[in-house]
Amino acid sequence: MSVHLLNEMSFLDGVTQEDIDYVKEHAIDGDANAQYHLALMFDTGRGLPLIPKEAQRWYKAAAEQGHANACYYLARMYSMETSGIPKNDAEAMKWYKRAAELGHKWAREKISN
């Protein structure tokens, strides 16, 4: 399964261990889309254990490469107290702004309020 196909499917419906291993491998190799999907898995506990620190790590890796959704979800993590991740309004706004610059609709709405 390609990361592109993973992006097109309903998140984690029918994803096998082989698919998860594929995403992990590509995330480690620096693929921003794979990093984002790996973060989602750690953030939601779907396919992998729920580990907010790992979700933050992978969202940030993808966000630093300009992945709009990763920027948005990283901002959300900073905007609220999450298991072991302290709230940081300045970091949250930084990533909301970056997501908005990249065309993320919800981020644009968030910073306009």
N, C-alpha and C. Protein backbone atom coordinates (compact mmCIF):
# COMPACT_ATOMS: atom_id res chain seq x y z
N MET A 1 0.85 -1.18 0.00
CA MET A 1 0.00 0.00 0.00
C MET A 1 0.89 1.23 0.00
N SER A 2 0.57 2.18 -0.82
CA SER A 2 1.35 3.42 -0.84
C SER A 2 0.78 4.39 0.17
N VAL A 3 1.60 5.35 0.59
CA VAL A 3 1.14 6.38 1.51
C VAL A 3 0.02 7.17 0.84
N HIS A 4 0.11 7.37 -0.48
CA HIS A 4 -0.94 8.08 -1.20
C HIS A 4 -2.27 7.34 -1.06
N LEU A 5 -2.26 6.04 -1.21
CA LEU A 5 -3.49 5.27 -1.06
C LEU A 5 -4.02 5.34 0.36
N LEU A 6 -3.11 5.32 1.34
CA LEU A 6 -3.53 5.45 2.73
C LEU A 6 -4.22 6.79 2.93
N ASN A 7 -3.72 7.83 2.29
CA ASN A 7 -4.31 9.15 2.39
C ASN A 7 -5.71 9.18 1.79
N GLU A 8 -5.94 8.40 0.74
CA GLU A 8 -7.22 8.41 0.04
C GLU A 8 -8.30 7.60 0.74
N MET A 9 -7.90 6.66 1.59
CA MET A 9 -8.89 5.78 2.20
C MET A 9 -9.43 6.37 3.50
N SER A 10 -10.55 5.87 3.92
CA SER A 10 -11.08 6.26 5.22
C SER A 10 -10.05 5.87 6.26
N PHE A 11 -9.68 6.77 7.12
CA PHE A 11 -8.54 6.60 8.01
C PHE A 11 -8.56 5.27 8.75
N LEU A 12 -7.63 4.44 8.39
CA LEU A 12 -7.33 3.16 9.03
C LEU A 12 -8.40 2.08 8.88
N ASP A 13 -9.38 2.26 8.00
CA ASP A 13 -10.34 1.19 7.76
C ASP A 13 -9.62 0.05 7.04
N GLY A 14 -9.52 -1.08 7.69
CA GLY A 14 -8.91 -2.24 7.07
C GLY A 14 -7.41 -2.17 6.88
N VAL A 15 -6.73 -1.30 7.59
CA VAL A 15 -5.28 -1.19 7.46
C VAL A 15 -4.65 -2.35 8.22
N THR A 16 -3.74 -3.03 7.55
CA THR A 16 -3.08 -4.19 8.12
C THR A 16 -1.79 -3.79 8.83
N GLN A 17 -1.21 -4.73 9.56
CA GLN A 17 0.09 -4.48 10.19
C GLN A 17 1.14 -4.18 9.13
N GLU A 18 1.03 -4.82 7.99
CA GLU A 18 1.96 -4.55 6.89
C GLU A 18 1.85 -3.08 6.45
N ASP A 19 0.63 -2.57 6.39
CA ASP A 19 0.42 -1.17 6.02
C ASP A 19 1.02 -0.23 7.06
N ILE A 20 0.81 -0.55 8.34
CA ILE A 20 1.36 0.27 9.41
C ILE A 20 2.88 0.26 9.35
N ASP A 21 3.47 -0.90 9.12
CA ASP A 21 4.93 -1.00 8.99
C ASP A 21 5.43 -0.16 7.83
N TYR A 22 4.69 -0.16 6.73
CA TYR A 22 5.04 0.64 5.55
C TYR A 22 5.05 2.12 5.91
N VAL A 23 4.01 2.57 6.61
CA VAL A 23 3.92 3.98 7.00
C VAL A 23 5.07 4.33 7.94
N LYS A 24 5.35 3.48 8.92
CA LYS A 24 6.46 3.74 9.85
C LYS A 24 7.78 3.88 9.09
N GLU A 25 8.03 2.95 8.18
CA GLU A 25 9.28 2.97 7.41
C GLU A 25 9.42 4.27 6.64
N HIS A 26 8.36 4.68 5.97
CA HIS A 26 8.42 5.90 5.17
C HIS A 26 8.47 7.16 6.04
N ALA A 27 7.84 7.11 7.21
CA ALA A 27 7.93 8.24 8.14
C ALA A 27 9.37 8.41 8.61
N ILE A 28 10.01 7.32 8.96
CA ILE A 28 11.40 7.36 9.39
C ILE A 28 12.30 7.88 8.27
N ASP A 29 11.95 7.54 7.03
CA ASP A 29 12.72 8.00 5.87
C ASP A 29 12.45 9.46 5.51
N GLY A 30 11.51 10.11 6.22
CA GLY A 30 11.28 11.54 6.02
C GLY A 30 10.10 11.92 5.17
N ASP A 31 9.24 10.97 4.82
CA ASP A 31 8.06 11.27 4.02
C ASP A 31 7.03 11.99 4.90
N ALA A 32 6.72 13.26 4.57
CA ALA A 32 5.84 14.08 5.40
C ALA A 32 4.44 13.49 5.52
N ASN A 33 3.92 12.94 4.45
CA ASN A 33 2.58 12.36 4.50
C ASN A 33 2.56 11.13 5.41
N ALA A 34 3.59 10.32 5.34
CA ALA A 34 3.68 9.16 6.22
C ALA A 34 3.85 9.61 7.67
N GLN A 35 4.64 10.65 7.90
CA GLN A 35 4.82 11.17 9.26
C GLN A 35 3.48 11.65 9.83
N TYR A 36 2.70 12.33 9.00
CA TYR A 36 1.38 12.81 9.43
C TYR A 36 0.48 11.63 9.80
N HIS A 37 0.45 10.60 8.96
CA HIS A 37 -0.41 9.45 9.24
C HIS A 37 0.07 8.67 10.47
N LEU A 38 1.37 8.59 10.66
CA LEU A 38 1.89 7.93 11.85
C LEU A 38 1.48 8.73 13.10
N ALA A 39 1.56 10.05 13.01
CA ALA A 39 1.12 10.90 14.12
C ALA A 39 -0.35 10.68 14.42
N LEU A 40 -1.18 10.61 13.38
CA LEU A 40 -2.61 10.36 13.59
C LEU A 40 -2.85 9.05 14.33
N MET A 41 -2.08 8.03 13.98
CA MET A 41 -2.24 6.74 14.64
C MET A 41 -1.92 6.86 16.12
N PHE A 42 -0.80 7.53 16.45
CA PHE A 42 -0.44 7.71 17.86
C PHE A 42 -1.41 8.65 18.57
N ASP A 43 -1.97 9.61 17.85
CA ASP A 43 -2.88 10.60 18.43
C ASP A 43 -4.25 10.01 18.72
N THR A 44 -4.69 9.08 17.90
CA THR A 44 -6.03 8.51 18.06
C THR A 44 -6.03 7.13 18.71
N GLY A 45 -4.87 6.48 18.73
CA GLY A 45 -4.81 5.12 19.25
C GLY A 45 -5.38 4.10 18.28
N ARG A 46 -5.51 4.49 17.02
CA ARG A 46 -6.04 3.57 16.00
C ARG A 46 -4.87 2.99 15.22
N GLY A 47 -4.65 1.71 15.40
CA GLY A 47 -3.56 1.03 14.71
C GLY A 47 -2.29 0.96 15.54
N LEU A 48 -2.11 1.90 16.44
CA LEU A 48 -0.96 1.96 17.33
C LEU A 48 -1.44 2.42 18.71
N PRO A 49 -0.63 2.21 19.74
CA PRO A 49 -1.04 2.70 21.06
C PRO A 49 -1.20 4.23 21.07
N LEU A 50 -2.07 4.71 21.91
CA LEU A 50 -2.28 6.14 22.10
C LEU A 50 -1.09 6.70 22.88
N ILE A 51 -0.22 7.45 22.18
CA ILE A 51 0.97 8.03 22.81
C ILE A 51 1.11 9.47 22.33
N PRO A 52 0.56 10.44 23.09
CA PRO A 52 0.57 11.83 22.64
C PRO A 52 1.96 12.39 22.32
N LYS A 53 2.98 12.04 23.10
CA LYS A 53 4.33 12.55 22.82
C LYS A 53 4.83 12.09 21.45
N GLU A 54 4.53 10.85 21.09
CA GLU A 54 4.91 10.35 19.76
C GLU A 54 4.09 11.04 18.67
N ALA A 55 2.82 11.27 18.95
CA ALA A 55 1.99 12.00 17.98
C ALA A 55 2.58 13.38 17.74
N GLN A 56 2.93 14.07 18.82
CA GLN A 56 3.52 15.41 18.70
C GLN A 56 4.82 15.36 17.88
N ARG A 57 5.65 14.39 18.18
CA ARG A 57 6.93 14.24 17.47
C ARG A 57 6.71 14.12 15.97
N TRP A 58 5.78 13.27 15.56
CA TRP A 58 5.57 13.02 14.13
C TRP A 58 4.78 14.13 13.46
N TYR A 59 3.83 14.76 14.18
CA TYR A 59 3.16 15.94 13.62
C TYR A 59 4.20 17.02 13.34
N LYS A 60 5.09 17.23 14.31
CA LYS A 60 6.10 18.29 14.14
C LYS A 60 7.03 17.98 12.97
N ALA A 61 7.44 16.74 12.82
CA ALA A 61 8.31 16.37 11.70
C ALA A 61 7.63 16.68 10.37
N ALA A 62 6.36 16.34 10.25
CA ALA A 62 5.62 16.61 9.01
C ALA A 62 5.35 18.10 8.86
N ALA A 63 5.00 18.77 9.96
CA ALA A 63 4.71 20.21 9.91
C ALA A 63 5.93 21.00 9.45
N GLU A 64 7.09 20.61 9.92
CA GLU A 64 8.32 21.31 9.53
C GLU A 64 8.62 21.17 8.04
N GLN A 65 7.99 20.19 7.40
CA GLN A 65 8.13 20.02 5.96
C GLN A 65 6.98 20.67 5.19
N GLY A 66 6.09 21.37 5.91
CA GLY A 66 5.02 22.08 5.24
C GLY A 66 3.75 21.28 5.02
N HIS A 67 3.49 20.29 5.84
CA HIS A 67 2.26 19.50 5.74
C HIS A 67 1.17 20.26 6.51
N ALA A 68 0.18 20.79 5.79
CA ALA A 68 -0.84 21.66 6.39
C ALA A 68 -1.62 20.99 7.51
N ASN A 69 -2.08 19.77 7.29
CA ASN A 69 -2.85 19.07 8.33
C ASN A 69 -1.99 18.82 9.57
N ALA A 70 -0.73 18.48 9.37
CA ALA A 70 0.16 18.26 10.51
C ALA A 70 0.34 19.55 11.30
N CYS A 71 0.48 20.67 10.60
CA CYS A 71 0.59 21.97 11.28
C CYS A 71 -0.64 22.22 12.14
N TYR A 72 -1.80 21.96 11.58
CA TYR A 72 -3.06 22.20 12.29
C TYR A 72 -3.17 21.31 13.54
N TYR A 73 -2.92 20.03 13.39
CA TYR A 73 -3.07 19.13 14.53
C TYR A 73 -1.98 19.34 15.57
N LEU A 74 -0.80 19.75 15.16
CA LEU A 74 0.24 20.11 16.11
C LEU A 74 -0.21 21.34 16.91
N ALA A 75 -0.77 22.33 16.22
CA ALA A 75 -1.30 23.52 16.90
C ALA A 75 -2.37 23.13 17.91
N ARG A 76 -3.26 22.23 17.53
CA ARG A 76 -4.31 21.77 18.46
C ARG A 76 -3.71 21.14 19.70
N MET A 77 -2.64 20.37 19.52
CA MET A 77 -2.01 19.75 20.69
C MET A 77 -1.45 20.82 21.63
N TYR A 78 -0.84 21.86 21.05
CA TYR A 78 -0.28 22.93 21.87
C TYR A 78 -1.37 23.81 22.49
N SER A 79 -2.55 23.84 21.89
CA SER A 79 -3.60 24.74 22.37
C SER A 79 -4.37 24.18 23.57
N MET A 80 -4.12 22.93 23.91
CA MET A 80 -4.80 22.34 25.07
C MET A 80 -3.82 21.47 25.83
N GLU A 81 -4.05 21.31 27.09
CA GLU A 81 -3.23 20.42 27.91
C GLU A 81 -3.50 18.99 27.46
N THR A 82 -2.49 18.34 26.91
CA THR A 82 -2.63 16.97 26.44
C THR A 82 -1.65 16.11 27.23
N SER A 83 -2.02 14.92 27.53
CA SER A 83 -1.21 13.98 28.31
C SER A 83 0.28 14.22 28.18
N GLY A 84 0.84 14.95 29.11
CA GLY A 84 2.28 15.17 29.14
C GLY A 84 2.77 16.27 28.22
N ILE A 85 1.88 16.92 27.49
CA ILE A 85 2.28 18.00 26.60
C ILE A 85 1.66 19.29 27.14
N PRO A 86 2.50 20.17 27.70
CA PRO A 86 1.94 21.38 28.29
C PRO A 86 1.34 22.32 27.25
N LYS A 87 0.32 23.04 27.67
CA LYS A 87 -0.32 24.04 26.81
C LYS A 87 0.70 25.14 26.51
N ASN A 88 0.74 25.57 25.25
CA ASN A 88 1.66 26.63 24.84
C ASN A 88 0.97 27.45 23.76
N ASP A 89 0.34 28.54 24.17
CA ASP A 89 -0.44 29.35 23.24
C ASP A 89 0.40 29.95 22.11
N ALA A 90 1.64 30.34 22.41
CA ALA A 90 2.50 30.92 21.37
C ALA A 90 2.82 29.88 20.29
N GLU A 91 3.16 28.67 20.70
CA GLU A 91 3.44 27.60 19.73
C GLU A 91 2.18 27.23 18.96
N ALA A 92 1.06 27.20 19.66
CA ALA A 92 -0.20 26.88 18.99
C ALA A 92 -0.48 27.89 17.89
N MET A 93 -0.36 29.18 18.19
CA MET A 93 -0.65 30.21 17.20
C MET A 93 0.35 30.15 16.04
N LYS A 94 1.61 29.88 16.35
CA LYS A 94 2.63 29.74 15.30
C LYS A 94 2.22 28.68 14.29
N TRP A 95 1.77 27.52 14.77
CA TRP A 95 1.42 26.42 13.87
C TRP A 95 0.06 26.61 13.22
N TYR A 96 -0.89 27.28 13.92
CA TYR A 96 -2.16 27.62 13.26
C TYR A 96 -1.89 28.57 12.09
N LYS A 97 -1.02 29.55 12.31
CA LYS A 97 -0.70 30.51 11.24
C LYS A 97 -0.03 29.80 10.07
N ARG A 98 0.88 28.89 10.36
CA ARG A 98 1.57 28.15 9.29
C ARG A 98 0.57 27.30 8.51
N ALA A 99 -0.33 26.63 9.22
CA ALA A 99 -1.35 25.82 8.55
C ALA A 99 -2.23 26.70 7.67
N ALA A 100 -2.60 27.87 8.18
CA ALA A 100 -3.43 28.80 7.39
C ALA A 100 -2.69 29.26 6.14
N GLU A 101 -1.40 29.56 6.28
CA GLU A 101 -0.58 29.95 5.12
C GLU A 101 -0.57 28.86 4.06
N LEU A 102 -0.64 27.63 4.52
CA LEU A 102 -0.62 26.47 3.62
C LEU A 102 -2.01 26.13 3.09
N GLY A 103 -3.01 26.96 3.45
CA GLY A 103 -4.34 26.79 2.91
C GLY A 103 -5.31 25.97 3.74
N HIS A 104 -4.96 25.68 4.99
CA HIS A 104 -5.84 24.88 5.84
C HIS A 104 -7.04 25.72 6.28
N LYS A 105 -8.22 25.31 5.86
CA LYS A 105 -9.45 26.08 6.11
C LYS A 105 -9.73 26.28 7.59
N TRP A 106 -9.68 25.22 8.38
CA TRP A 106 -9.99 25.33 9.81
C TRP A 106 -8.98 26.22 10.52
N ALA A 107 -7.73 26.17 10.09
CA ALA A 107 -6.71 27.03 10.71
C ALA A 107 -7.00 28.49 10.38
N ARG A 108 -7.40 28.77 9.14
CA ARG A 108 -7.75 30.15 8.78
C ARG A 108 -8.90 30.64 9.64
N GLU A 109 -9.89 29.80 9.85
CA GLU A 109 -11.03 30.17 10.70
C GLU A 109 -10.57 30.41 12.14
N LYS A 110 -9.67 29.57 12.61
CA LYS A 110 -9.18 29.67 14.00
C LYS A 110 -8.46 30.99 14.23
N ILE A 111 -7.59 31.38 13.32
CA ILE A 111 -6.82 32.61 13.54
C ILE A 111 -7.63 33.87 13.24
N SER A 112 -8.73 33.73 12.53
CA SER A 112 -9.55 34.90 12.24
C SER A 112 -10.50 35.22 13.39
N ASN A 113 -10.65 34.30 14.34
CA ASN A 113 -11.56 34.52 15.49
C ASN A 113 -10.88 35.28 16.60
